[in-house]
Amino acid sequence: MTTALTWQKSSFSGGGTGDDCVELALPTTPPTSIHLRESDTPTTVLTTTPTALHALLTILKNGNGLPG
């Protein structure tokens, strides 16, 4: 059985009903995966693990490993 996801907009989206933000959804319990999508293309969903997303965000935040 598939459970519908509850999507939340990023706090950086500026609120409102715009279609230019990132949305995140977590399965009920336990959160073994995280789902991400762009508001303007809601049928395209990226699914990852909390560990992998944390690693990506850490790299982006620190600027490590990115081409110059």
Protein backbone atom coordinates (compact mmCIF):
# COMPACT_ATOMS: atom_id res chain seq x y z
CA MET A 1 0.00 0.00 0.00
CA THR A 2 1.33 3.46 -0.93
CA THR A 3 0.83 6.34 1.48
CA ALA A 4 0.41 9.88 0.13
CA LEU A 5 3.26 12.20 1.05
CA THR A 6 2.77 15.55 2.73
CA TRP A 7 4.96 18.08 0.94
CA GLN A 8 6.47 21.09 2.70
CA LYS A 9 7.92 24.12 0.93
CA SER A 10 11.38 25.35 1.75
CA SER A 11 11.54 28.33 4.09
CA PHE A 12 13.61 30.02 1.38
CA SER A 13 10.71 29.88 -1.10
CA GLY A 14 9.21 33.12 0.20
CA GLY A 15 5.91 31.45 1.11
CA GLY A 16 2.78 32.13 -0.88
CA THR A 17 1.63 29.93 -3.70
CA GLY A 18 4.54 30.41 -6.11
CA ASP A 19 5.83 27.53 -8.17
CA ASP A 20 9.52 28.30 -7.78
CA CYS A 21 10.62 26.47 -4.68
CA VAL A 22 11.94 23.17 -3.42
CA GLU A 23 9.57 20.91 -1.51
CA LEU A 24 10.44 18.10 0.88
CA ALA A 25 8.45 15.12 2.14
CA LEU A 26 9.27 12.46 4.70
CA PRO A 27 7.56 9.09 4.95
CA THR A 28 5.64 8.60 8.18
CA THR A 29 8.01 6.45 10.27
CA PRO A 30 10.83 5.77 10.26
CA PRO A 31 12.28 8.38 7.88
CA THR A 32 14.57 6.06 5.94
CA SER A 33 14.19 8.19 2.81
CA ILE A 34 13.66 11.84 1.95
CA HIS A 35 11.77 12.98 -1.12
CA LEU A 36 12.59 16.27 -2.86
CA ARG A 37 10.89 17.98 -5.78
CA GLU A 38 10.70 21.32 -7.56
CA SER A 39 7.26 22.95 -7.28
CA ASP A 40 7.01 23.66 -10.99
CA THR A 41 7.64 19.97 -11.86
CA PRO A 42 5.94 18.04 -9.03
CA THR A 43 5.96 14.71 -10.87
CA THR A 44 9.77 14.58 -10.85
CA VAL A 45 10.85 13.41 -7.40
CA LEU A 46 14.37 12.80 -6.11
CA THR A 47 14.53 10.20 -3.35
CA THR A 48 17.59 9.95 -1.14
CA THR A 49 18.62 8.97 2.38
CA PRO A 50 19.05 11.39 5.28
CA THR A 51 22.77 10.52 5.38
CA ALA A 52 23.35 11.23 1.69
CA LEU A 53 21.36 14.49 1.81
CA HIS A 54 23.31 15.63 4.87
CA ALA A 55 26.59 14.92 3.07
CA LEU A 56 25.45 16.86 -0.01
CA LEU A 57 24.28 19.85 2.03
CA THR A 58 27.51 19.87 4.01
CA ILE A 59 29.57 19.90 0.79
CA LEU A 60 27.45 22.69 -0.68
CA LYS A 61 27.55 24.74 2.51
CA ASN A 62 31.33 24.44 2.86
CA GLY A 63 32.08 24.70 -0.87
CA ASN A 64 34.19 21.53 -0.70
CA GLY A 65 34.71 19.41 -3.75
CA LEU A 66 32.95 21.74 -6.18
CA PRO A 67 34.57 22.66 -9.49
CA GLY A 68 35.87 26.22 -9.56
